[in-house]
Amino acid sequence: MKPLFASALIPLGLAFALPLPAQAAKTAVQAPAAQTHYETSAFAGQWAIMAMDPITVAANKASGPAERLLVTLPESLKKIVGQDHFSLSRTSGTAWSGKQDDLTVTFRLVSENSAQIQITGEGTHKLDLPLYRNN
């Protein structure tokens, strides 16, 4: 092999030996996202639903295991669900949940200004609503 030809092949050989940037990104291990923990006061307030009266969320004054969120649905949702008052206990840093009669209600913060309420009845009945802070 001529020296000039061999020196041209060396950079090509190195290029194939190194990982491509896309391959390097695939093999990088990402650290798990930190679990968000919202204070109880971040959940309280009026939460709007498109074209409906807002949902009211209040916190009791207790702390620890006795701490509860008190959720009041507007009349329009009460007609669908069958009741309008729920007491929820904390299940994570972003969610509260409670079971009353045959309904399970979960209230979850997506961000400081948006949330989601999920009401599940026995069987396949499920109501899942996005909520926005009603300021």
C-alpha atoms as a PDB file:
ATOM      1  CA  MET A   1       0.000   0.000   0.000  1.00  0.00           C
ATOM      2  CA  LYS A   2       1.285   3.431  -0.822  1.00  0.00           C
ATOM      3  CA  PRO A   3       1.834   5.777   2.157  1.00  0.00           C
ATOM      4  CA  LEU A   4      -0.527   8.465   0.795  1.00  0.00           C
ATOM      5  CA  PHE A   5      -3.378   5.954   0.319  1.00  0.00           C
ATOM      6  CA  ALA A   6      -2.808   4.429   3.789  1.00  0.00           C
ATOM      7  CA  SER A   7      -2.897   7.868   5.468  1.00  0.00           C
ATOM      8  CA  ALA A   8      -6.259   8.545   3.763  1.00  0.00           C
ATOM      9  CA  LEU A   9      -7.740   5.296   5.165  1.00  0.00           C
ATOM     10  CA  ILE A  10      -6.694   5.918   8.776  1.00  0.00           C
ATOM     11  CA  PRO A  11      -9.240   8.739   9.384  1.00  0.00           C
ATOM     12  CA  LEU A  12     -11.970   6.597   7.778  1.00  0.00           C
ATOM     13  CA  GLY A  13     -11.128   3.691  10.051  1.00  0.00           C
ATOM     14  CA  LEU A  14     -11.312   5.949  13.120  1.00  0.00           C
ATOM     15  CA  ALA A  15     -14.651   7.360  11.990  1.00  0.00           C
ATOM     16  CA  PHE A  16     -16.178   3.866  11.922  1.00  0.00           C
ATOM     17  CA  ALA A  17     -14.688   2.941  15.291  1.00  0.00           C
ATOM     18  CA  LEU A  18     -16.248   5.931  17.128  1.00  0.00           C
ATOM     19  CA  PRO A  19     -19.976   5.889  17.981  1.00  0.00           C
ATOM     20  CA  LEU A  20     -22.217   8.250  16.113  1.00  0.00           C
ATOM     21  CA  PRO A  21     -23.767  11.062  18.190  1.00  0.00           C
ATOM     22  CA  ALA A  22     -27.225   9.464  17.813  1.00  0.00           C
ATOM     23  CA  GLN A  23     -25.890   6.129  19.050  1.00  0.00           C
ATOM     24  CA  ALA A  24     -24.110   7.777  21.950  1.00  0.00           C
ATOM     25  CA  ALA A  25     -27.365   9.464  23.015  1.00  0.00           C
ATOM     26  CA  LYS A  26     -29.197   6.134  23.011  1.00  0.00           C
ATOM     27  CA  THR A  27     -26.681   4.478  25.306  1.00  0.00           C
ATOM     28  CA  ALA A  28     -26.561   7.340  27.825  1.00  0.00           C
ATOM     29  CA  VAL A  29     -28.505   6.519  30.982  1.00  0.00           C
ATOM     30  CA  GLN A  30     -30.770   9.311  32.134  1.00  0.00           C
ATOM     31  CA  ALA A  31     -31.266   9.933  35.820  1.00  0.00           C
ATOM     32  CA  PRO A  32     -34.823   9.333  37.034  1.00  0.00           C
ATOM     33  CA  ALA A  33     -36.942  12.465  37.337  1.00  0.00           C
ATOM     34  CA  ALA A  34     -37.303  13.767  40.866  1.00  0.00           C
ATOM     35  CA  GLN A  35     -40.732  13.152  42.379  1.00  0.00           C
ATOM     36  CA  THR A  36     -42.612  16.442  42.656  1.00  0.00           C
ATOM     37  CA  HIS A  37     -44.210  17.192  46.003  1.00  0.00           C
ATOM     38  CA  TYR A  38     -46.774  19.984  46.153  1.00  0.00           C
ATOM     39  CA  GLU A  39     -47.797  21.517  49.460  1.00  0.00           C
ATOM     40  CA  THR A  40     -51.439  21.006  50.391  1.00  0.00           C
ATOM     41  CA  SER A  41     -52.189  24.695  49.824  1.00  0.00           C
ATOM     42  CA  ALA A  42     -51.256  24.313  46.125  1.00  0.00           C
ATOM     43  CA  PHE A  43     -54.303  22.064  45.628  1.00  0.00           C
ATOM     44  CA  ALA A  44     -56.828  24.405  47.250  1.00  0.00           C
ATOM     45  CA  GLY A  45     -58.932  26.868  45.273  1.00  0.00           C
ATOM     46  CA  GLN A  46     -61.325  27.042  42.363  1.00  0.00           C
ATOM     47  CA  TRP A  47     -60.600  24.749  39.407  1.00  0.00           C
ATOM     48  CA  ALA A  48     -62.310  25.533  36.104  1.00  0.00           C
ATOM     49  CA  ILE A  49     -63.727  23.085  33.598  1.00  0.00           C
ATOM     50  CA  MET A  50     -64.617  24.257  30.105  1.00  0.00           C
ATOM     51  CA  ALA A  51     -68.253  25.443  29.934  1.00  0.00           C
ATOM     52  CA  MET A  52     -69.059  24.375  33.528  1.00  0.00           C
ATOM     53  CA  ASP A  53     -69.051  25.939  36.947  1.00  0.00           C
ATOM     54  CA  PRO A  54     -65.731  25.420  38.770  1.00  0.00           C
ATOM     55  CA  ILE A  55     -64.835  22.632  41.167  1.00  0.00           C
ATOM     56  CA  THR A  56     -63.975  23.860  44.671  1.00  0.00           C
ATOM     57  CA  VAL A  57     -61.091  22.259  46.551  1.00  0.00           C
ATOM     58  CA  ALA A  58     -60.390  23.080  50.194  1.00  0.00           C
ATOM     59  CA  ALA A  59     -57.977  21.605  52.723  1.00  0.00           C
ATOM     60  CA  ASN A  60     -58.876  20.795  56.308  1.00  0.00           C
ATOM     61  CA  LYS A  61     -56.668  22.179  59.060  1.00  0.00           C
ATOM     62  CA  ALA A  62     -55.321  18.809  60.160  1.00  0.00           C
ATOM     63  CA  SER A  63     -51.837  17.601  59.348  1.00  0.00           C
ATOM     64  CA  GLY A  64     -50.295  14.192  58.896  1.00  0.00           C
ATOM     65  CA  PRO A  65     -52.572  11.195  58.277  1.00  0.00           C
ATOM     66  CA  ALA A  66     -55.707  13.214  59.174  1.00  0.00           C
ATOM     67  CA  GLU A  67     -55.010  15.765  56.447  1.00  0.00           C
ATOM     68  CA  ARG A  68     -57.777  15.838  53.795  1.00  0.00           C
ATOM     69  CA  LEU A  69     -58.787  17.651  50.647  1.00  0.00           C
ATOM     70  CA  LEU A  70     -62.473  18.452  50.477  1.00  0.00           C
ATOM     71  CA  VAL A  71     -63.707  18.494  46.872  1.00  0.00           C
ATOM     72  CA  THR A  72     -67.077  20.008  45.945  1.00  0.00           C
ATOM     73  CA  LEU A  73     -68.429  19.402  42.451  1.00  0.00           C
ATOM     74  CA  PRO A  74     -70.741  21.872  40.699  1.00  0.00           C
ATOM     75  CA  GLU A  75     -74.433  21.003  40.278  1.00  0.00           C
ATOM     76  CA  SER A  76     -73.928  19.977  36.630  1.00  0.00           C
ATOM     77  CA  LEU A  77     -71.406  17.275  37.619  1.00  0.00           C
ATOM     78  CA  LYS A  78     -73.454  16.229  40.641  1.00  0.00           C
ATOM     79  CA  LYS A  79     -76.244  15.247  38.242  1.00  0.00           C
ATOM     80  CA  ILE A  80     -73.842  12.976  36.350  1.00  0.00           C
ATOM     81  CA  VAL A  81     -71.940  11.521  39.320  1.00  0.00           C
ATOM     82  CA  GLY A  82     -74.734  11.358  41.896  1.00  0.00           C
ATOM     83  CA  GLN A  83     -73.001  13.254  44.709  1.00  0.00           C
ATOM     84  CA  ASP A  84     -71.059  16.458  45.076  1.00  0.00           C
ATOM     85  CA  HIS A  85     -68.829  16.232  48.193  1.00  0.00           C
ATOM     86  CA  PHE A  86     -65.716  14.081  48.494  1.00  0.00           C
ATOM     87  CA  SER A  87     -63.004  13.736  51.117  1.00  0.00           C
ATOM     88  CA  LEU A  88     -59.596  12.751  49.708  1.00  0.00           C
ATOM     89  CA  SER A  89     -56.357  11.679  51.385  1.00  0.00           C
ATOM     90  CA  ARG A  90     -52.848  12.141  49.978  1.00  0.00           C
ATOM     91  CA  THR A  91     -51.518   9.264  47.874  1.00  0.00           C
ATOM     92  CA  SER A  92     -48.368  10.967  46.503  1.00  0.00           C
ATOM     93  CA  GLY A  93     -46.740  14.371  46.203  1.00  0.00           C
ATOM     94  CA  THR A  94     -49.046  15.229  43.308  1.00  0.00           C
ATOM     95  CA  ALA A  95     -52.234  13.238  43.968  1.00  0.00           C
ATOM     96  CA  TRP A  96     -55.061  12.761  46.447  1.00  0.00           C
ATOM     97  CA  SER A  97     -57.644   9.996  46.296  1.00  0.00           C
ATOM     98  CA  GLY A  98     -60.723   8.820  48.130  1.00  0.00           C
ATOM     99  CA  LYS A  99     -63.453   6.210  47.878  1.00  0.00           C
ATOM    100  CA  GLN A 100     -67.044   6.925  48.835  1.00  0.00           C
ATOM    101  CA  ASP A 101     -69.870   4.495  48.182  1.00  0.00           C
ATOM    102  CA  ASP A 102     -69.157   3.038  44.736  1.00  0.00           C
ATOM    103  CA  LEU A 103     -67.056   6.000  43.500  1.00  0.00           C
ATOM    104  CA  THR A 104     -63.294   6.511  43.566  1.00  0.00           C
ATOM    105  CA  VAL A 105     -62.127  10.092  43.069  1.00  0.00           C
ATOM    106  CA  THR A 106     -58.534  11.056  42.274  1.00  0.00           C
ATOM    107  CA  PHE A 107     -57.372  14.683  42.095  1.00  0.00           C
ATOM    108  CA  ARG A 108     -53.888  15.133  40.609  1.00  0.00           C
ATOM    109  CA  LEU A 109     -51.844  18.271  39.951  1.00  0.00           C
ATOM    110  CA  VAL A 110     -50.158  18.306  36.551  1.00  0.00           C
ATOM    111  CA  SER A 111     -48.551  21.691  37.257  1.00  0.00           C
ATOM    112  CA  GLU A 112     -49.266  24.561  39.638  1.00  0.00           C
ATOM    113  CA  ASN A 113     -52.031  25.810  37.314  1.00  0.00           C
ATOM    114  CA  SER A 114     -53.446  22.630  35.813  1.00  0.00           C
ATOM    115  CA  ALA A 115     -54.911  19.490  37.325  1.00  0.00           C
ATOM    116  CA  GLN A 116     -56.926  16.417  36.495  1.00  0.00           C
ATOM    117  CA  ILE A 117     -59.873  14.898  38.309  1.00  0.00           C
ATOM    118  CA  GLN A 118     -60.821  11.307  37.671  1.00  0.00           C
ATOM    119  CA  ILE A 119     -64.056   9.830  38.979  1.00  0.00           C
ATOM    120  CA  THR A 120     -64.426   6.079  38.547  1.00  0.00           C
ATOM    121  CA  GLY A 121     -67.583   4.163  39.336  1.00  0.00           C
ATOM    122  CA  GLU A 122     -68.040   0.450  39.649  1.00  0.00           C
ATOM    123  CA  GLY A 123     -67.698  -1.319  36.329  1.00  0.00           C
ATOM    124  CA  THR A 124     -66.410   0.692  33.397  1.00  0.00           C
ATOM    125  CA  HIS A 125     -67.876   4.108  34.297  1.00  0.00           C
ATOM    126  CA  LYS A 126     -65.132   6.710  34.256  1.00  0.00           C
ATOM    127  CA  LEU A 127     -65.098  10.522  34.122  1.00  0.00           C
ATOM    128  CA  ASP A 128     -61.725  12.107  33.411  1.00  0.00           C
ATOM    129  CA  LEU A 129     -61.611  15.931  33.309  1.00  0.00           C
ATOM    130  CA  PRO A 130     -58.734  18.359  32.789  1.00  0.00           C
ATOM    131  CA  LEU A 131     -58.898  21.331  35.157  1.00  0.00           C
ATOM    132  CA  TYR A 132     -57.305  24.779  35.139  1.00  0.00           C
ATOM    133  CA  ARG A 133     -56.851  27.214  37.981  1.00  0.00           C
ATOM    134  CA  ASN A 134     -59.807  29.609  37.997  1.00  0.00           C
ATOM    135  CA  ASN A 135     -58.109  32.913  38.827  1.00  0.00           C
END
